[in-house]
């Protein structure tokens, strides 16, 4: 398999304003920090010169809106017509204010993912520190500011299926399907990255199910932590598999470097050590999402 970088995740910060039981942010041993703006500019400048990159995500661990220069990060992106890639942002939507929303609209961010795990108090039980009504108010305000004239950002709400019953899932979908471009249902995974509760995902909601014997992330993806450390997987939020530092060596030198090459070889030959984080991982071997709206995809193709 040829290594070709197509997707880059950039972590503005691994700090978070919530304490969700299903998230490793609560128990992470990784130091909390914020990406230096000069490092961020270096990363964006280099990505603009990599023709194979088709998407970047301005999030990994943490809540990106906590970064004190997040609006400047959005403003530093190349103009939409000059970009060769989509830009995605994921948030719990608690910190969205008019300034952030206007920056998302002005810079034509492709998609805004909002994490919601239920309706009302049910969401607040799972996203500890969140307030459902505040999230709804902020999403409505974003729609107002777009004023029917702005296509971007497209909006997604994402539910992680933990112990929700089918009627709760149906209520969630019916509540949000006409408010956003996508409703996505994600399977929960445990600390060993094994997928859980697949039986709770209604089969009629599964649009795509793809299985492969080998994870392809190391051949096409790079996640960059707030300090510049790079890893070949968006799920390794503890940074167990650092392949280099892009602040010191640049993105492509790290992506094509010895550590990255050894990591790919380990997967290619299936010689993964017993206690390695990749050993029991099912996420890279199985993509399983329920996508309940076609509207945004159809608009994107125009």
Protein backbone atom coordinates (compact mmCIF):
# COMPACT_ATOMS: atom_id res chain seq x y z
CA UNK A 1 0.00 0.00 0.00
CA UNK A 2 1.33 3.41 -0.97
CA UNK A 3 1.61 5.99 1.81
CA UNK A 4 -0.20 9.18 0.75
CA UNK A 5 -1.18 11.80 3.30
CA UNK A 6 -4.81 12.83 2.74
CA UNK A 7 -6.06 13.82 6.18
CA UNK A 8 -4.52 15.83 9.02
CA UNK A 9 -5.89 16.36 12.52
CA UNK A 10 -4.63 19.41 14.41
CA UNK A 11 -5.12 19.68 18.17
CA UNK A 12 -5.52 23.31 19.31
CA UNK A 13 -5.69 22.01 22.90
CA UNK A 14 -6.38 18.86 24.89
CA UNK A 15 -8.12 20.86 27.62
CA UNK A 16 -11.88 20.47 27.93
CA UNK A 17 -14.67 22.27 29.76
CA UNK A 18 -16.69 19.04 30.23
CA UNK A 19 -16.04 15.83 32.14
CA UNK A 20 -17.76 13.14 30.09
CA UNK A 21 -17.59 9.61 31.58
CA UNK A 22 -16.92 8.03 28.16
CA UNK A 23 -14.00 10.34 27.32
CA UNK A 24 -10.37 9.72 28.21
CA UNK A 25 -9.77 13.44 28.84
CA UNK A 26 -10.74 12.90 32.49
CA UNK A 27 -8.05 10.25 33.06
CA UNK A 28 -5.42 11.28 30.53
CA UNK A 29 -1.82 11.37 31.74
CA UNK A 30 -0.80 13.64 28.87
CA UNK A 31 0.13 17.20 29.92
CA UNK A 32 -2.56 19.77 29.15
CA UNK A 33 -1.52 22.54 26.82
CA UNK A 34 -2.37 24.88 23.95
CA UNK A 35 -0.76 24.86 20.51
CA UNK A 36 1.60 27.77 19.92
CA UNK A 37 0.19 29.99 17.19
CA UNK A 38 3.49 30.07 15.29
CA UNK A 39 3.52 26.26 15.20
CA UNK A 40 -0.06 26.30 13.93
CA UNK A 41 0.87 28.73 11.15
CA UNK A 42 3.81 26.53 10.17
CA UNK A 43 1.49 23.52 9.94
CA UNK A 44 -1.14 25.33 7.84
CA UNK A 45 1.53 26.75 5.53
CA UNK A 46 2.99 23.31 4.93
CA UNK A 47 -0.39 21.66 4.38
CA UNK A 48 -1.16 24.20 1.67
CA UNK A 49 1.87 22.85 -0.22
CA UNK A 50 0.86 19.16 0.09
CA UNK A 51 -1.39 18.41 -2.91
CA UNK A 52 -2.71 15.09 -1.58
CA UNK A 53 -4.34 16.52 1.57
CA UNK A 54 -8.10 16.70 1.10
CA UNK A 55 -9.23 17.32 4.67
CA UNK A 56 -8.05 18.80 7.95
CA UNK A 57 -9.75 18.60 11.34
CA UNK A 58 -9.14 21.40 13.84
CA UNK A 59 -9.64 19.10 16.81
CA UNK A 60 -8.32 15.92 18.41
CA UNK A 61 -8.53 15.75 22.18
CA UNK A 62 -10.17 18.59 24.08
CA UNK A 63 -12.50 21.44 23.18
CA UNK A 64 -10.96 23.63 20.44
CA UNK A 65 -12.92 26.76 21.40
CA UNK A 66 -10.94 26.91 24.66
CA UNK A 67 -7.85 27.99 22.72
CA UNK A 68 -7.53 31.74 23.29
CA UNK A 69 -6.49 32.26 19.65
CA UNK A 70 -8.96 29.90 17.99
CA UNK A 71 -10.59 32.71 15.99
CA UNK A 72 -7.14 33.75 14.77
CA UNK A 73 -6.55 30.11 13.80
CA UNK A 74 -9.67 30.17 11.65
CA UNK A 75 -8.73 33.52 10.15
CA UNK A 76 -5.26 32.24 9.23
CA UNK A 77 -6.66 29.52 6.98
CA UNK A 78 -6.26 30.23 3.26
CA UNK A 79 -9.33 31.73 1.61
CA UNK A 80 -11.94 29.16 0.65
CA UNK A 81 -11.24 29.41 -3.08
CA UNK A 82 -7.51 28.89 -2.44
CA UNK A 83 -7.94 25.87 -0.16
CA UNK A 84 -7.52 22.38 -1.59
CA UNK A 85 -9.09 20.68 1.40
CA UNK A 86 -12.20 20.57 3.57
CA UNK A 87 -11.98 21.91 7.13
CA UNK A 88 -13.89 20.34 10.02
CA UNK A 89 -14.32 21.46 13.62
CA UNK A 90 -15.80 19.38 16.45
CA UNK A 91 -17.21 20.96 19.60
CA UNK A 92 -19.54 20.45 22.53
CA UNK A 93 -21.06 23.84 21.53
CA UNK A 94 -21.12 25.21 25.08
CA UNK A 95 -18.58 27.95 24.35
CA UNK A 96 -19.91 29.09 20.97
CA UNK A 97 -20.46 32.83 20.91
CA UNK A 98 -21.21 35.26 18.11
CA UNK A 99 -17.53 35.97 17.43
CA UNK A 100 -16.72 32.28 16.99
CA UNK A 101 -19.81 31.65 14.87
CA UNK A 102 -19.08 34.61 12.59
CA UNK A 103 -15.50 33.34 12.14
CA UNK A 104 -16.81 29.86 11.23
CA UNK A 105 -19.14 31.40 8.66
CA UNK A 106 -16.70 33.98 7.27
CA UNK A 107 -13.94 31.40 6.80
CA UNK A 108 -16.38 28.93 5.22
CA UNK A 109 -15.56 26.02 7.51
CA UNK A 110 -16.86 22.94 5.74
CA UNK A 111 -18.47 21.20 8.65
CA UNK A 112 -19.17 21.77 12.34
CA UNK A 113 -19.64 18.59 14.41
CA UNK A 114 -21.58 18.98 17.67
CA UNK A 115 -21.47 16.22 20.29
CA UNK A 116 -24.91 15.44 21.71
CA UNK A 117 -25.81 12.19 23.42
CA UNK A 118 -29.52 12.60 24.05
CA UNK A 119 -32.33 15.03 24.66
CA UNK A 120 -32.42 17.34 27.69
CA UNK A 121 -31.22 15.86 30.97
CA UNK A 122 -30.24 12.61 29.26
CA UNK A 123 -27.58 14.49 27.30
CA UNK A 124 -26.41 16.29 30.44
CA UNK A 125 -25.96 12.97 32.28
CA UNK A 126 -23.54 11.81 29.60
CA UNK A 127 -21.84 15.12 28.81
CA UNK A 128 -21.16 16.25 32.37
CA UNK A 129 -20.96 20.03 32.60
CA UNK A 130 -23.02 20.59 29.45
CA UNK A 131 -26.41 22.27 29.31
CA UNK A 132 -28.74 21.01 26.60
CA UNK A 133 -30.73 24.24 26.34
CA UNK A 134 -27.52 26.24 25.86
CA UNK A 135 -26.44 23.95 23.02
CA UNK A 136 -29.84 24.29 21.33
CA UNK A 137 -29.75 28.08 21.75
CA UNK A 138 -26.26 28.28 20.24
CA UNK A 139 -27.21 26.09 17.27
CA UNK A 140 -30.25 28.28 16.62
CA UNK A 141 -28.08 31.38 16.81
CA UNK A 142 -25.68 29.91 14.25
CA UNK A 143 -28.61 29.35 11.90
CA UNK A 144 -29.74 32.95 12.43
CA UNK A 145 -26.27 34.29 11.62
CA UNK A 146 -26.08 32.18 8.47
CA UNK A 147 -29.35 33.88 7.53
CA UNK A 148 -30.16 31.40 4.79
CA UNK A 149 -27.44 32.84 2.58
CA UNK A 150 -24.42 30.93 3.83
CA UNK A 151 -23.95 27.26 3.05
CA UNK A 152 -21.02 26.91 5.46
CA UNK A 153 -20.50 25.59 7.98
CA UNK A 154 -22.61 22.52 7.36
CA UNK A 155 -23.75 21.14 10.71
CA UNK A 156 -23.68 17.66 12.21
CA UNK A 157 -24.90 16.35 15.54
CA UNK A 158 -23.20 13.21 16.72
CA UNK A 159 -24.51 10.71 19.28
CA UNK A 160 -22.24 8.07 20.81
CA UNK A 161 -24.36 5.02 21.55
CA UNK A 162 -23.67 3.82 25.09
CA UNK A 163 -26.83 2.66 26.83
CA UNK A 164 -29.54 4.58 24.97
CA UNK A 165 -32.68 2.63 24.12
CA UNK A 166 -34.02 2.53 20.58
CA UNK A 167 -36.86 4.92 21.44
CA UNK A 168 -34.32 7.44 22.79
CA UNK A 169 -32.32 7.16 19.58
CA UNK A 170 -35.46 7.67 17.50
CA UNK A 171 -36.41 10.72 19.55
CA UNK A 172 -32.93 12.17 19.10
CA UNK A 173 -33.01 11.62 15.35
CA UNK A 174 -36.53 13.00 14.92
CA UNK A 175 -35.64 16.07 16.98
CA UNK A 176 -32.49 16.97 15.06
CA UNK A 177 -32.90 15.64 11.53
CA UNK A 178 -34.57 18.82 10.26
CA UNK A 179 -32.27 21.19 12.17
CA UNK A 180 -28.88 20.06 10.86
CA UNK A 181 -27.32 18.60 7.73
CA UNK A 182 -26.30 15.29 9.29
CA UNK A 183 -27.24 13.16 12.25
CA UNK A 184 -24.54 10.61 13.00
CA UNK A 185 -24.69 7.63 15.34
CA UNK A 186 -21.33 6.33 16.52
CA UNK A 187 -20.56 3.09 18.29
CA UNK A 188 -18.84 3.41 21.65
CA UNK A 189 -15.36 1.95 22.08
CA UNK A 190 -13.57 0.85 25.22
CA UNK A 191 -10.02 1.60 26.41
CA UNK A 192 -8.64 -1.09 24.10
CA UNK A 193 -10.48 0.55 21.18
CA UNK A 194 -12.87 -2.36 20.84
CA UNK A 195 -16.30 -1.35 19.56
CA UNK A 196 -19.16 -1.79 22.02
CA UNK A 197 -22.94 -1.92 21.89
CA UNK A 198 -23.21 -2.45 18.13
CA UNK A 199 -26.51 -4.21 18.78
CA UNK A 200 -27.95 -0.88 19.91
CA UNK A 201 -27.34 0.73 16.53
CA UNK A 202 -30.60 0.37 14.57
CA UNK A 203 -29.74 -1.42 11.33
CA UNK A 204 -31.99 0.85 9.28
CA UNK A 205 -29.80 3.78 10.32
CA UNK A 206 -26.55 2.27 9.12
CA UNK A 207 -25.72 3.74 5.77
CA UNK A 208 -22.14 2.51 5.45
CA UNK A 209 -20.49 -0.53 6.90
CA UNK A 210 -17.02 -1.31 5.65
CA UNK A 211 -14.65 -3.89 7.06
CA UNK A 212 -11.02 -4.46 6.24
CA UNK A 213 -8.36 -6.76 7.63
CA UNK A 214 -5.81 -3.97 7.98
CA UNK A 215 -6.06 -0.46 9.34
CA UNK A 216 -5.30 2.12 6.65
CA UNK A 217 -4.85 5.16 8.93
CA UNK A 218 -1.01 4.92 9.03
CA UNK A 219 -0.91 5.25 5.24
CA UNK A 220 -3.14 8.31 4.92
CA UNK A 221 -3.54 10.13 8.24
CA UNK A 222 -1.52 12.23 10.66
CA UNK A 223 -2.70 13.63 13.97
CA UNK A 224 -0.69 16.54 15.36
CA UNK A 225 -0.89 17.12 19.11
CA UNK A 226 -0.74 20.60 20.63
CA UNK A 227 3.04 20.35 21.16
CA UNK A 228 3.76 19.28 17.58
CA UNK A 229 4.12 15.55 18.26
CA UNK A 230 2.67 13.52 15.40
CA UNK A 231 0.85 10.20 15.52
CA UNK A 232 -0.63 7.96 12.82
CA UNK A 233 -4.07 7.57 14.42
CA UNK A 234 -6.80 9.90 15.67
CA UNK A 235 -7.77 7.41 18.40
CA UNK A 236 -4.38 7.34 20.13
CA UNK A 237 -5.11 10.40 22.25
CA UNK A 238 -2.51 9.39 24.85
CA UNK A 239 0.21 9.64 22.20
CA UNK A 240 1.53 6.09 22.57
CA UNK A 241 2.79 6.02 18.97
CA UNK A 242 4.64 9.27 18.34
CA UNK A 243 6.36 9.17 14.94
CA UNK A 244 8.11 12.54 15.21
CA UNK A 245 7.56 16.23 15.85
CA UNK A 246 6.40 18.42 12.96
CA UNK A 247 7.65 21.59 14.62
CA UNK A 248 11.17 20.18 14.48
CA UNK A 249 11.11 18.27 11.20
CA UNK A 250 8.04 19.24 9.17
CA UNK A 251 4.98 17.21 8.23
CA UNK A 252 6.24 15.26 5.23
CA UNK A 253 9.62 14.43 6.73
CA UNK A 254 7.82 12.92 9.73
CA UNK A 255 5.18 11.19 7.57
CA UNK A 256 7.89 9.56 5.42
CA UNK A 257 10.36 9.05 8.28
CA UNK A 258 11.77 5.87 9.80
CA UNK A 259 9.35 5.70 12.73
CA UNK A 260 6.31 6.07 10.47
CA UNK A 261 7.70 3.48 8.05
CA UNK A 262 8.32 1.00 10.89
CA UNK A 263 4.81 1.57 12.18
CA UNK A 264 3.31 0.78 8.77
CA UNK A 265 5.48 -2.31 8.45
CA UNK A 266 4.21 -3.54 11.82
CA UNK A 267 0.65 -3.36 10.50
CA UNK A 268 1.50 -4.72 7.08
CA UNK A 269 3.11 -7.83 8.55
CA UNK A 270 0.58 -8.03 11.41
CA UNK A 271 3.44 -8.21 13.91
CA UNK A 272 1.70 -6.11 16.54
CA UNK A 273 2.95 -6.71 20.11
CA UNK A 274 0.39 -8.17 22.53
CA UNK A 275 0.13 -5.06 24.73
CA UNK A 276 0.29 -2.56 21.87
CA UNK A 277 -2.64 -0.11 21.64
CA UNK A 278 -3.30 -1.28 18.07
CA UNK A 279 -3.47 -4.98 18.97
CA UNK A 280 -7.17 -5.19 19.77
CA UNK A 281 -8.33 -2.02 18.04
CA UNK A 282 -11.42 -2.46 15.89
CA UNK A 283 -11.95 1.14 14.86
CA UNK A 284 -9.45 1.17 12.01
CA UNK A 285 -10.68 -2.20 10.81
CA UNK A 286 -14.36 -1.30 10.86
CA UNK A 287 -15.97 1.98 9.90
CA UNK A 288 -19.51 2.05 11.23
CA UNK A 289 -21.61 5.19 11.19
CA UNK A 290 -25.29 5.86 10.75
CA UNK A 291 -25.83 8.93 8.58
CA UNK A 292 -29.42 10.05 8.45
CA UNK A 293 -29.49 12.95 6.03
CA UNK A 294 -28.47 13.27 2.38
CA UNK A 295 -29.10 17.00 2.09
CA UNK A 296 -25.60 18.25 2.87
CA UNK A 297 -23.86 15.71 0.64
CA UNK A 298 -26.10 16.68 -2.28
CA UNK A 299 -25.40 20.38 -1.76
CA UNK A 300 -21.65 19.73 -1.59
CA UNK A 301 -21.72 18.09 -5.03
CA UNK A 302 -23.27 21.12 -6.72
